[in-house]
Amino acid sequence: MSQMEIEIDGLELRGFHGATAEEQEAGQLFLFDVWLVAHDAGVRTDRLDDTIDYTQVVACIREISDGHRFNLIEALAAAIADAIVERFDVSRVRVRVRKPEVQLEAPASYSAATIERSRR
């Protein structure tokens, strides 16, 4: 069976993650980039039931982000990747979490963490 890649890029969600109390109390914007590798049955049938429903993937990301406060964006990315592999028929997923309001000693566009998981 052949495979395809599905991307969700720049999903914006407000979250209460971070290593400081201020980040966890005030919250901030997080950007999520997700790449899914799945079978391509939907390409042939043109039916949503035969592919990954993006709205369900977004709901999964929101559930993980809203359901727990993470100190590290690395842990947030890993929790999302693990949940996607568990809940969806994917062979591989890569999740990048970007933090555009990062406070560093020098200006930066964002900080990010990327995690990849494969179905065993």
Protein backbone atom coordinates (compact mmCIF):
# COMPACT_ATOMS: atom_id res chain seq x y z
CA MET A 1 0.00 0.00 0.00
CA SER A 2 1.35 3.42 -0.85
CA GLN A 3 1.45 6.31 1.57
CA MET A 4 0.92 10.05 1.58
CA GLU A 5 1.90 12.91 3.85
CA ILE A 6 -0.65 15.27 5.39
CA GLU A 7 0.44 18.58 6.92
CA ILE A 8 -1.19 20.96 9.35
CA ASP A 9 1.03 24.03 9.59
CA GLY A 10 0.86 26.97 11.97
CA LEU A 11 -2.08 25.85 14.10
CA GLU A 12 -2.45 28.61 16.70
CA LEU A 13 -3.53 27.72 20.23
CA ARG A 14 -3.17 29.63 23.45
CA GLY A 15 -1.55 27.56 26.17
CA PHE A 16 -0.25 27.79 29.72
CA HIS A 17 3.04 25.98 29.26
CA GLY A 18 6.51 27.05 30.31
CA ALA A 19 9.19 26.73 32.93
CA THR A 20 8.22 29.89 34.81
CA ALA A 21 5.18 30.61 36.95
CA GLU A 22 4.49 33.70 34.83
CA GLU A 23 4.25 31.63 31.63
CA GLN A 24 1.94 29.11 33.29
CA GLU A 25 -0.32 31.80 34.76
CA ALA A 26 -0.50 34.36 31.93
CA GLY A 27 -0.38 31.91 29.02
CA GLN A 28 0.88 32.60 25.53
CA LEU A 29 0.49 31.67 21.89
CA PHE A 30 1.90 28.35 20.66
CA LEU A 31 2.14 27.27 17.02
CA PHE A 32 1.83 23.62 16.08
CA ASP A 33 3.15 22.08 12.85
CA VAL A 34 2.16 18.46 12.28
CA TRP A 35 3.20 16.05 9.53
CA LEU A 36 1.33 12.74 9.29
CA VAL A 37 2.29 9.80 7.08
CA ALA A 38 -0.68 7.55 6.37
CA HIS A 39 -2.04 5.16 3.76
CA ASP A 40 -3.40 6.89 0.68
CA ALA A 41 -6.77 5.12 0.35
CA GLY A 42 -8.58 8.47 0.51
CA VAL A 43 -6.73 9.61 -2.61
CA ARG A 44 -8.34 6.81 -4.59
CA THR A 45 -11.83 6.94 -3.07
CA ASP A 46 -12.12 10.69 -2.35
CA ARG A 47 -13.92 9.80 0.90
CA LEU A 48 -13.17 11.37 4.26
CA ASP A 49 -13.79 8.03 5.95
CA ASP A 50 -10.76 6.63 4.12
CA THR A 51 -8.24 9.21 5.31
CA ILE A 52 -7.26 11.28 8.35
CA ASP A 53 -9.85 13.88 9.38
CA TYR A 54 -7.89 17.07 10.09
CA THR A 55 -10.56 18.36 12.47
CA GLN A 56 -10.07 15.29 14.66
CA VAL A 57 -6.29 15.80 14.66
CA VAL A 58 -6.76 19.43 15.70
CA ALA A 59 -9.18 18.34 18.45
CA CYS A 60 -6.54 15.88 19.71
CA ILE A 61 -3.86 18.59 19.78
CA ARG A 62 -6.19 20.98 21.62
CA GLU A 63 -7.14 18.26 24.14
CA ILE A 64 -3.49 17.56 24.99
CA SER A 65 -2.50 21.24 25.13
CA ASP A 66 -5.54 22.31 27.17
CA GLY A 67 -5.53 19.25 29.42
CA HIS A 68 -2.09 19.59 31.00
CA ARG A 69 0.46 22.30 31.77
CA PHE A 70 3.86 21.34 30.45
CA ASN A 71 7.10 22.89 31.67
CA LEU A 72 8.86 22.06 28.39
CA ILE A 73 7.62 22.39 24.82
CA GLU A 74 9.58 19.19 24.16
CA ALA A 75 7.26 17.31 26.53
CA LEU A 76 4.20 18.94 24.95
CA ALA A 77 5.34 17.91 21.45
CA ALA A 78 6.01 14.34 22.63
CA ALA A 79 2.60 14.01 24.31
CA ILE A 80 0.87 15.17 21.12
CA ALA A 81 2.91 12.85 18.90
CA ASP A 82 2.21 9.88 21.18
CA ALA A 83 -1.54 10.63 21.21
CA ILE A 84 -1.70 10.93 17.41
CA VAL A 85 0.09 7.60 16.88
CA GLU A 86 -2.25 5.99 19.40
CA ARG A 87 -5.51 7.45 18.03
CA PHE A 88 -5.01 7.65 14.26
CA ASP A 89 -4.04 5.21 11.53
CA VAL A 90 -0.65 6.76 10.80
CA SER A 91 2.70 5.10 10.22
CA ARG A 92 4.69 8.16 11.29
CA VAL A 93 4.06 11.59 12.80
CA ARG A 94 6.30 14.59 13.34
CA VAL A 95 5.14 17.38 15.67
CA ARG A 96 6.85 20.74 16.01
CA VAL A 97 5.75 23.14 18.75
CA ARG A 98 6.86 26.73 18.25
CA LYS A 99 6.85 29.39 20.94
CA PRO A 100 6.81 32.78 19.16
CA GLU A 101 6.71 34.88 22.34
CA VAL A 102 9.91 33.34 23.71
CA GLN A 103 11.80 35.55 26.16
CA LEU A 104 15.55 35.18 25.65
CA GLU A 105 18.52 37.41 26.32
CA ALA A 106 18.60 38.32 22.63
CA PRO A 107 15.77 38.70 20.08
CA ALA A 108 14.53 35.49 18.44
CA SER A 109 11.59 34.76 16.15
CA TYR A 110 10.66 31.68 18.15
CA SER A 111 11.94 28.65 19.99
CA ALA A 112 10.79 25.20 18.91
CA ALA A 113 10.93 21.52 19.69
CA THR A 114 10.27 18.74 17.18
CA ILE A 115 9.45 15.13 18.00
CA GLU A 116 8.93 12.26 15.60
CA ARG A 117 7.17 8.99 16.40
CA SER A 118 6.55 5.87 14.32
CA ARG A 119 4.06 3.07 14.72
CA ARG A 120 5.82 -0.02 16.01
